[in-house]
N, C-alpha and C. Protein backbone atom coordinates (compact mmCIF):
# COMPACT_ATOMS: atom_id res chain seq x y z
N MET A 1 -99.64 -15.25 -114.67
CA MET A 1 -98.14 -15.05 -115.35
C MET A 1 -97.66 -16.92 -115.45
N TYR A 2 -98.14 -16.97 -114.22
CA TYR A 2 -97.49 -18.84 -114.13
C TYR A 2 -99.10 -19.70 -113.69
N GLN A 3 -98.94 -20.36 -114.11
CA GLN A 3 -100.17 -21.63 -114.35
C GLN A 3 -99.74 -23.09 -113.30
N ARG A 4 -100.86 -23.42 -113.44
CA ARG A 4 -100.65 -24.60 -112.29
C ARG A 4 -100.18 -26.10 -113.75
N GLY A 5 -99.65 -26.42 -114.08
CA GLY A 5 -98.76 -27.86 -115.14
C GLY A 5 -97.40 -27.19 -115.95
N GLN A 6 -97.32 -26.13 -115.91
CA GLN A 6 -96.88 -25.51 -116.58
C GLN A 6 -95.37 -25.65 -116.02
N ARG A 7 -94.17 -26.12 -116.94
CA ARG A 7 -92.93 -26.67 -117.01
C ARG A 7 -92.46 -25.16 -117.53
N VAL A 8 -91.13 -25.04 -115.51
CA VAL A 8 -90.01 -24.35 -115.55
C VAL A 8 -88.94 -24.48 -115.31
N ALA A 9 -88.00 -23.92 -115.41
CA ALA A 9 -86.30 -24.01 -115.34
C ALA A 9 -86.33 -23.44 -114.40
N LEU A 10 -84.69 -23.44 -113.50
CA LEU A 10 -84.65 -22.72 -112.55
C LEU A 10 -83.75 -21.34 -113.87
N VAL A 11 -83.31 -20.32 -112.65
CA VAL A 11 -81.93 -19.92 -114.36
C VAL A 11 -81.34 -19.27 -112.84
N ALA A 12 -81.92 -18.62 -111.28
CA ALA A 12 -80.93 -18.54 -110.25
C ALA A 12 -82.18 -18.53 -108.78
N THR A 13 -81.18 -19.13 -107.87
CA THR A 13 -82.41 -18.48 -106.15
C THR A 13 -80.81 -18.11 -105.58
N THR A 14 -81.88 -17.74 -104.38
CA THR A 14 -80.91 -16.74 -103.48
C THR A 14 -80.21 -17.96 -101.99
N ASP A 15 -81.98 -19.07 -102.17
CA ASP A 15 -81.30 -19.96 -101.03
C ASP A 15 -79.96 -20.25 -100.83
N PRO A 16 -78.98 -20.22 -99.88
CA PRO A 16 -78.11 -20.69 -100.14
C PRO A 16 -78.07 -22.37 -99.59
N HIS A 17 -78.90 -22.76 -99.34
CA HIS A 17 -79.15 -24.15 -98.81
C HIS A 17 -79.56 -25.37 -99.18
N THR A 18 -79.56 -24.91 -100.75
CA THR A 18 -80.39 -25.72 -101.72
C THR A 18 -79.90 -26.39 -103.33
N GLU A 19 -80.12 -28.12 -103.36
CA GLU A 19 -79.39 -28.50 -104.31
C GLU A 19 -79.72 -27.90 -105.43
N LEU A 20 -80.61 -27.11 -105.63
CA LEU A 20 -80.96 -27.09 -107.24
C LEU A 20 -80.51 -26.29 -107.82
N ARG A 21 -80.06 -26.21 -109.16
CA ARG A 21 -78.80 -25.80 -109.87
C ARG A 21 -79.67 -24.87 -111.08
N PRO A 22 -78.80 -23.73 -111.17
CA PRO A 22 -79.50 -23.72 -112.48
C PRO A 22 -79.77 -24.70 -113.37
N GLY A 23 -80.79 -24.76 -114.60
CA GLY A 23 -81.34 -25.46 -115.65
C GLY A 23 -81.69 -26.64 -114.97
N ASP A 24 -81.83 -26.74 -113.68
CA ASP A 24 -83.10 -28.12 -113.49
C ASP A 24 -84.45 -27.10 -112.97
N GLU A 25 -84.91 -28.50 -114.00
CA GLU A 25 -86.44 -28.21 -114.05
C GLU A 25 -87.70 -29.01 -113.46
N GLY A 26 -88.81 -28.47 -113.50
CA GLY A 26 -90.28 -28.92 -112.69
C GLY A 26 -91.49 -27.88 -113.25
N THR A 27 -92.56 -28.17 -112.52
CA THR A 27 -93.47 -28.04 -112.54
C THR A 27 -94.33 -27.16 -111.36
N VAL A 28 -94.93 -26.52 -112.48
CA VAL A 28 -95.42 -24.73 -111.61
C VAL A 28 -96.11 -26.18 -110.84
N ARG A 29 -96.77 -25.83 -109.01
CA ARG A 29 -98.52 -26.27 -108.95
C ARG A 29 -98.86 -24.87 -108.34
N SER A 30 -98.51 -23.76 -108.30
CA SER A 30 -99.74 -22.71 -107.85
C SER A 30 -98.33 -21.82 -107.72
N LEU A 31 -98.70 -20.61 -107.87
CA LEU A 31 -98.87 -19.92 -107.38
C LEU A 31 -99.19 -18.60 -106.38
N ASN A 32 -98.52 -17.91 -105.15
CA ASN A 32 -98.81 -16.98 -104.74
C ASN A 32 -98.71 -15.29 -104.93
N PRO A 33 -99.94 -15.27 -106.29
CA PRO A 33 -99.83 -13.89 -105.81
C PRO A 33 -99.55 -12.34 -105.19
N ASN A 34 -99.56 -12.84 -103.85
CA ASN A 34 -99.75 -11.53 -103.15
C ASN A 34 -98.81 -11.72 -102.30
N LEU A 35 -97.79 -12.64 -102.41
CA LEU A 35 -96.20 -13.36 -102.55
C LEU A 35 -95.00 -13.17 -102.65
N GLN A 36 -96.07 -13.62 -104.51
CA GLN A 36 -95.22 -13.48 -105.57
C GLN A 36 -94.38 -15.14 -105.32
N GLN A 37 -95.60 -15.32 -104.44
CA GLN A 37 -93.97 -17.38 -104.23
C GLN A 37 -95.05 -17.84 -105.66
N LEU A 38 -93.88 -19.07 -105.77
CA LEU A 38 -94.56 -19.42 -106.86
C LEU A 38 -93.98 -21.17 -106.77
N ASN A 39 -94.66 -22.22 -106.03
CA ASN A 39 -94.73 -23.24 -105.24
C ASN A 39 -94.23 -24.71 -106.92
N VAL A 40 -93.00 -24.52 -106.94
CA VAL A 40 -92.42 -25.95 -107.95
C VAL A 40 -92.63 -27.14 -107.20
N SER A 41 -92.32 -27.95 -107.99
CA SER A 41 -92.30 -29.57 -107.57
C SER A 41 -91.31 -29.88 -108.61
N TRP A 42 -90.31 -29.68 -108.63
CA TRP A 42 -88.94 -29.98 -109.49
C TRP A 42 -88.51 -31.83 -109.83
N ASP A 43 -88.18 -32.30 -110.74
CA ASP A 43 -87.68 -33.11 -111.07
C ASP A 43 -86.70 -33.63 -109.93
N SER A 44 -86.20 -32.68 -109.49
CA SER A 44 -85.59 -33.83 -108.46
C SER A 44 -85.94 -34.38 -106.93
N GLY A 45 -87.31 -33.49 -106.81
CA GLY A 45 -87.72 -34.07 -105.88
C GLY A 45 -87.98 -33.59 -105.24
N SER A 46 -87.31 -32.10 -105.31
CA SER A 46 -86.73 -30.88 -104.29
C SER A 46 -88.79 -30.42 -104.09
N THR A 47 -89.20 -29.21 -103.06
CA THR A 47 -90.15 -28.39 -103.71
C THR A 47 -90.02 -27.53 -103.01
N LEU A 48 -88.73 -27.03 -102.95
CA LEU A 48 -88.17 -25.32 -102.81
C LEU A 48 -89.49 -24.98 -103.93
N SER A 49 -89.76 -23.75 -103.06
CA SER A 49 -90.72 -22.87 -103.71
C SER A 49 -89.60 -21.07 -103.57
N MET A 50 -90.27 -21.09 -105.22
CA MET A 50 -89.18 -19.39 -105.64
C MET A 50 -89.96 -18.29 -105.40
N LEU A 51 -89.21 -17.02 -104.85
CA LEU A 51 -89.78 -16.62 -104.09
C LEU A 51 -89.29 -15.10 -104.92
N LEU A 52 -90.08 -14.83 -105.77
CA LEU A 52 -90.48 -13.89 -106.94
C LEU A 52 -89.45 -12.48 -107.05
N ASP A 53 -90.01 -11.96 -106.06
CA ASP A 53 -89.79 -10.73 -105.66
C ASP A 53 -88.44 -10.67 -104.48
N ASP A 54 -87.99 -11.10 -104.42
CA ASP A 54 -86.31 -11.53 -103.57
C ASP A 54 -85.29 -12.28 -104.29
N GLY A 55 -85.64 -11.74 -105.25
CA GLY A 55 -84.47 -12.19 -106.55
C GLY A 55 -84.17 -13.63 -107.45
N ASP A 56 -85.37 -15.14 -107.25
CA ASP A 56 -85.50 -16.26 -107.62
C ASP A 56 -85.61 -15.75 -109.01
N GLU A 57 -85.38 -16.27 -109.69
CA GLU A 57 -85.72 -15.73 -111.55
C GLU A 57 -85.71 -17.89 -111.92
N ILE A 58 -87.06 -18.16 -113.21
CA ILE A 58 -87.04 -19.08 -113.40
C ILE A 58 -87.11 -18.20 -114.93
N ARG A 59 -87.60 -19.62 -115.79
CA ARG A 59 -87.93 -19.61 -117.31
C ARG A 59 -88.69 -20.57 -117.64
N LEU A 60 -89.97 -19.86 -118.23
CA LEU A 60 -90.91 -21.47 -119.18
C LEU A 60 -90.47 -22.17 -120.11
N LEU A 61 -90.59 -23.13 -120.18
CA LEU A 61 -90.01 -23.66 -120.38
C LEU A 61 -90.87 -24.26 -122.20
N ALA A 62 -90.77 -23.96 -122.85
CA ALA A 62 -91.53 -24.50 -124.51
C ALA A 62 -92.44 -25.69 -124.19
């Protein structure tokens, strides 16, 4: 599904404490398929992981 090095953009996150906003871009570091946790290095410097089964959404960039 997601692979290391792919570029992604944030669609939505359920984390109320993050400064990330829809449209922010980053690079996939890894995916834990058991937890559906996508680890992303965001261009802003954030390393917030996306919890895909808990409502976080991202999209692949071309």
